[in-house]
Amino acid sequence: MKVLFATDGGKQSDDAIETVKRFTLAEGDEVKIVSVVDMALPMAIDIYGGFLPDTAELEKTARENAAKIVAGTAEKMQGRGCSVSTDVLFGSPDSRIVETAEEWKADLIVVGSHGYSRWERLLLGSVSDSVVHHAPCSVLVVRSASE
């Protein structure tokens, strides 16, 4: 079995880790842990001055944070009897998760849910909802116990 585990490092991801730990995974099974850096941040630009801020430092920090997140998640997954790999991706989180699942031929995608209200989903979007509707395989959306 090939499990693609997408994480943003939040509490919802920790709950999803605990759920995956309950799976019976054996030698030959694979877990790929990914975190997606979305650099499409709205920025205020002075249209008269034409100033475009340098985002190199912001991108470097985001990349380092994502690398820490996947490394920490991989550490929590060790000892499961399966192989664990990690990857930091760039782009739109929902698109990159689905693309990676297709390329890697995942059997299951596991994501945590932020539990947004209807209005929050409308304004912010829902990565888990988009993944469910576009994934090439089954998707497990793990909700936090408090939701």
C-alpha atoms as a PDB file:
ATOM      1  CA  MET A   1       0.000   0.000   0.000  1.00  0.00           C
ATOM      2  CA  LYS A   2       1.218   3.500  -0.850  1.00  0.00           C
ATOM      3  CA  VAL A   3      -0.012   6.222   1.507  1.00  0.00           C
ATOM      4  CA  LEU A   4       0.527   9.889   0.648  1.00  0.00           C
ATOM      5  CA  PHE A   5       0.390  11.920   3.861  1.00  0.00           C
ATOM      6  CA  ALA A   6      -0.020  15.680   3.341  1.00  0.00           C
ATOM      7  CA  THR A   7       0.777  17.923   6.299  1.00  0.00           C
ATOM      8  CA  ASP A   8       0.958  21.611   7.119  1.00  0.00           C
ATOM      9  CA  GLY A   9       2.301  20.980  10.609  1.00  0.00           C
ATOM     10  CA  GLY A  10      -0.881  22.025  12.396  1.00  0.00           C
ATOM     11  CA  LYS A  11      -2.836  20.251  15.129  1.00  0.00           C
ATOM     12  CA  GLN A  12      -5.012  18.637  12.467  1.00  0.00           C
ATOM     13  CA  SER A  13      -1.930  17.019  10.988  1.00  0.00           C
ATOM     14  CA  ASP A  14      -0.935  15.642  14.396  1.00  0.00           C
ATOM     15  CA  ASP A  15      -4.371  14.049  14.703  1.00  0.00           C
ATOM     16  CA  ALA A  16      -3.965  12.575  11.210  1.00  0.00           C
ATOM     17  CA  ILE A  17      -0.560  11.130  12.209  1.00  0.00           C
ATOM     18  CA  GLU A  18      -2.188   9.356  15.148  1.00  0.00           C
ATOM     19  CA  THR A  19      -4.806   7.905  12.798  1.00  0.00           C
ATOM     20  CA  VAL A  20      -2.175   6.607  10.356  1.00  0.00           C
ATOM     21  CA  LYS A  21      -0.245   5.065  13.261  1.00  0.00           C
ATOM     22  CA  ARG A  22      -3.273   2.849  13.866  1.00  0.00           C
ATOM     23  CA  PHE A  23      -3.018   1.406  10.338  1.00  0.00           C
ATOM     24  CA  THR A  24      -1.442  -1.995   9.962  1.00  0.00           C
ATOM     25  CA  LEU A  25       1.490  -1.172   7.715  1.00  0.00           C
ATOM     26  CA  ALA A  26       4.068  -3.792   6.898  1.00  0.00           C
ATOM     27  CA  GLU A  27       7.340  -4.188   5.090  1.00  0.00           C
ATOM     28  CA  GLY A  28       6.793  -3.246   1.459  1.00  0.00           C
ATOM     29  CA  ASP A  29       4.218  -0.576   2.315  1.00  0.00           C
ATOM     30  CA  GLU A  30       5.261   3.022   1.728  1.00  0.00           C
ATOM     31  CA  VAL A  31       4.344   6.333   3.339  1.00  0.00           C
ATOM     32  CA  LYS A  32       5.328   9.522   1.539  1.00  0.00           C
ATOM     33  CA  ILE A  33       5.049  12.659   3.659  1.00  0.00           C
ATOM     34  CA  VAL A  34       4.649  15.947   1.803  1.00  0.00           C
ATOM     35  CA  SER A  35       4.248  19.564   2.783  1.00  0.00           C
ATOM     36  CA  VAL A  36       3.385  22.196   0.189  1.00  0.00           C
ATOM     37  CA  VAL A  37       4.824  25.708   0.220  1.00  0.00           C
ATOM     38  CA  ASP A  38       2.316  28.078  -1.360  1.00  0.00           C
ATOM     39  CA  MET A  39       4.126  31.268  -2.356  1.00  0.00           C
ATOM     40  CA  ALA A  40       1.030  32.802  -3.962  1.00  0.00           C
ATOM     41  CA  LEU A  41       0.673  35.376  -1.222  1.00  0.00           C
ATOM     42  CA  PRO A  42      -1.266  38.572  -1.850  1.00  0.00           C
ATOM     43  CA  MET A  43       1.116  41.504  -1.686  1.00  0.00           C
ATOM     44  CA  ALA A  44       0.515  45.230  -1.803  1.00  0.00           C
ATOM     45  CA  ILE A  45       2.529  46.738  -4.631  1.00  0.00           C
ATOM     46  CA  ASP A  46       2.854  50.442  -5.288  1.00  0.00           C
ATOM     47  CA  ILE A  47       1.548  50.611  -8.848  1.00  0.00           C
ATOM     48  CA  TYR A  48       3.158  54.016  -9.388  1.00  0.00           C
ATOM     49  CA  GLY A  49       6.601  53.141  -8.075  1.00  0.00           C
ATOM     50  CA  GLY A  50       6.613  49.669  -9.602  1.00  0.00           C
ATOM     51  CA  PHE A  51       8.243  48.233  -6.492  1.00  0.00           C
ATOM     52  CA  LEU A  52       8.174  44.457  -6.407  1.00  0.00           C
ATOM     53  CA  PRO A  53       9.331  43.157  -3.020  1.00  0.00           C
ATOM     54  CA  ASP A  54      12.083  40.538  -2.884  1.00  0.00           C
ATOM     55  CA  THR A  55      10.500  37.316  -1.676  1.00  0.00           C
ATOM     56  CA  ALA A  56      13.715  35.260  -1.562  1.00  0.00           C
ATOM     57  CA  GLU A  57      14.004  35.457   2.236  1.00  0.00           C
ATOM     58  CA  LEU A  58      10.318  34.651   2.684  1.00  0.00           C
ATOM     59  CA  GLU A  59      10.630  31.658   0.339  1.00  0.00           C
ATOM     60  CA  LYS A  60      13.759  30.429   2.139  1.00  0.00           C
ATOM     61  CA  THR A  61      12.003  30.610   5.516  1.00  0.00           C
ATOM     62  CA  ALA A  62       8.912  28.834   4.146  1.00  0.00           C
ATOM     63  CA  ARG A  63      11.083  26.096   2.613  1.00  0.00           C
ATOM     64  CA  GLU A  64      12.994  25.576   5.878  1.00  0.00           C
ATOM     65  CA  ASN A  65       9.751  25.444   7.874  1.00  0.00           C
ATOM     66  CA  ALA A  66       8.244  22.882   5.492  1.00  0.00           C
ATOM     67  CA  ALA A  67      11.425  20.774   5.696  1.00  0.00           C
ATOM     68  CA  LYS A  68      11.192  20.796   9.517  1.00  0.00           C
ATOM     69  CA  ILE A  69       7.526  19.802   9.332  1.00  0.00           C
ATOM     70  CA  VAL A  70       8.105  16.777   7.076  1.00  0.00           C
ATOM     71  CA  ALA A  71      11.193  15.709   9.057  1.00  0.00           C
ATOM     72  CA  GLY A  72       9.264  15.895  12.333  1.00  0.00           C
ATOM     73  CA  THR A  73       6.358  13.968  10.844  1.00  0.00           C
ATOM     74  CA  ALA A  74       8.710  11.311   9.443  1.00  0.00           C
ATOM     75  CA  GLU A  75      10.273  10.938  12.884  1.00  0.00           C
ATOM     76  CA  LYS A  76       6.828  10.310  14.394  1.00  0.00           C
ATOM     77  CA  MET A  77       6.146   7.671  11.704  1.00  0.00           C
ATOM     78  CA  GLN A  78       9.389   5.715  12.203  1.00  0.00           C
ATOM     79  CA  GLY A  79       9.128   2.203  13.534  1.00  0.00           C
ATOM     80  CA  ARG A  80       5.934   1.408  11.639  1.00  0.00           C
ATOM     81  CA  GLY A  81       7.579  -1.374   9.608  1.00  0.00           C
ATOM     82  CA  CYS A  82       7.164   0.459   6.319  1.00  0.00           C
ATOM     83  CA  SER A  83       9.402   2.772   4.333  1.00  0.00           C
ATOM     84  CA  VAL A  84       8.928   6.496   4.931  1.00  0.00           C
ATOM     85  CA  SER A  85      10.028   9.234   2.538  1.00  0.00           C
ATOM     86  CA  THR A  86       9.524  13.003   2.547  1.00  0.00           C
ATOM     87  CA  ASP A  87       9.208  15.792   0.012  1.00  0.00           C
ATOM     88  CA  VAL A  88       8.672  19.558   0.078  1.00  0.00           C
ATOM     89  CA  LEU A  89       6.513  20.714  -2.826  1.00  0.00           C
ATOM     90  CA  PHE A  90       5.816  24.180  -4.216  1.00  0.00           C
ATOM     91  CA  GLY A  91       2.581  25.562  -5.619  1.00  0.00           C
ATOM     92  CA  SER A  92      -1.101  25.303  -4.870  1.00  0.00           C
ATOM     93  CA  PRO A  93      -1.483  22.736  -2.044  1.00  0.00           C
ATOM     94  CA  ASP A  94      -4.554  20.952  -3.423  1.00  0.00           C
ATOM     95  CA  SER A  95      -3.151  20.716  -6.959  1.00  0.00           C
ATOM     96  CA  ARG A  96       0.299  19.573  -5.862  1.00  0.00           C
ATOM     97  CA  ILE A  97      -1.125  16.895  -3.532  1.00  0.00           C
ATOM     98  CA  VAL A  98      -3.305  15.477  -6.312  1.00  0.00           C
ATOM     99  CA  GLU A  99      -0.470  15.641  -8.881  1.00  0.00           C
ATOM    100  CA  THR A 100       1.926  13.881  -6.510  1.00  0.00           C
ATOM    101  CA  ALA A 101      -0.643  11.159  -5.805  1.00  0.00           C
ATOM    102  CA  GLU A 102      -1.069  10.615  -9.553  1.00  0.00           C
ATOM    103  CA  GLU A 103       2.678  10.544 -10.285  1.00  0.00           C
ATOM    104  CA  TRP A 104       3.479   8.320  -7.304  1.00  0.00           C
ATOM    105  CA  LYS A 105       0.438   6.075  -7.906  1.00  0.00           C
ATOM    106  CA  ALA A 106      -0.763   6.421  -4.313  1.00  0.00           C
ATOM    107  CA  ASP A 107      -3.435   4.071  -2.987  1.00  0.00           C
ATOM    108  CA  LEU A 108      -4.565   6.513  -0.295  1.00  0.00           C
ATOM    109  CA  ILE A 109      -4.161  10.200   0.516  1.00  0.00           C
ATOM    110  CA  VAL A 110      -4.399  11.255   4.162  1.00  0.00           C
ATOM    111  CA  VAL A 111      -5.050  14.903   5.074  1.00  0.00           C
ATOM    112  CA  GLY A 112      -6.141  16.688   8.212  1.00  0.00           C
ATOM    113  CA  SER A 113      -9.177  18.950   8.206  1.00  0.00           C
ATOM    114  CA  HIS A 114      -9.146  22.457   9.662  1.00  0.00           C
ATOM    115  CA  GLY A 115     -12.884  22.191  10.249  1.00  0.00           C
ATOM    116  CA  TYR A 116     -13.678  25.538   8.641  1.00  0.00           C
ATOM    117  CA  SER A 117     -17.230  26.813   8.791  1.00  0.00           C
ATOM    118  CA  ARG A 118     -19.165  27.300   5.545  1.00  0.00           C
ATOM    119  CA  TRP A 119     -18.114  30.971   5.378  1.00  0.00           C
ATOM    120  CA  GLU A 120     -14.463  30.238   6.119  1.00  0.00           C
ATOM    121  CA  ARG A 121     -14.416  27.605   3.357  1.00  0.00           C
ATOM    122  CA  LEU A 122     -15.973  30.132   0.982  1.00  0.00           C
ATOM    123  CA  LEU A 123     -13.351  32.769   1.796  1.00  0.00           C
ATOM    124  CA  LEU A 124     -10.277  30.580   2.352  1.00  0.00           C
ATOM    125  CA  GLY A 125     -11.070  27.496   0.310  1.00  0.00           C
ATOM    126  CA  SER A 126     -10.651  23.961   1.506  1.00  0.00           C
ATOM    127  CA  VAL A 127      -7.630  21.930   0.488  1.00  0.00           C
ATOM    128  CA  SER A 128      -9.149  18.696   1.787  1.00  0.00           C
ATOM    129  CA  ASP A 129     -12.401  19.282  -0.133  1.00  0.00           C
ATOM    130  CA  SER A 130     -10.552  19.924  -3.370  1.00  0.00           C
ATOM    131  CA  VAL A 131      -8.323  16.874  -2.872  1.00  0.00           C
ATOM    132  CA  VAL A 132     -11.382  14.672  -2.237  1.00  0.00           C
ATOM    133  CA  HIS A 133     -12.987  15.825  -5.483  1.00  0.00           C
ATOM    134  CA  HIS A 134      -9.900  15.558  -7.707  1.00  0.00           C
ATOM    135  CA  ALA A 135      -7.805  12.715  -6.256  1.00  0.00           C
ATOM    136  CA  PRO A 136      -7.038   9.613  -8.348  1.00  0.00           C
ATOM    137  CA  CYS A 137      -7.431   7.391  -5.259  1.00  0.00           C
ATOM    138  CA  SER A 138      -9.242   7.184  -1.934  1.00  0.00           C
ATOM    139  CA  VAL A 139      -8.835  10.094   0.473  1.00  0.00           C
ATOM    140  CA  LEU A 140      -9.029   9.966   4.253  1.00  0.00           C
ATOM    141  CA  VAL A 141      -9.852  13.347   5.799  1.00  0.00           C
ATOM    142  CA  VAL A 142      -9.087  13.260   9.525  1.00  0.00           C
ATOM    143  CA  ARG A 143     -11.003  15.676  11.710  1.00  0.00           C
ATOM    144  CA  SER A 144      -9.677  16.716  15.118  1.00  0.00           C
ATOM    145  CA  ALA A 145     -11.502  15.324  18.133  1.00  0.00           C
ATOM    146  CA  SER A 146     -12.417  18.873  19.208  1.00  0.00           C
ATOM    147  CA  GLU A 147     -14.278  19.561  15.934  1.00  0.00           C
END
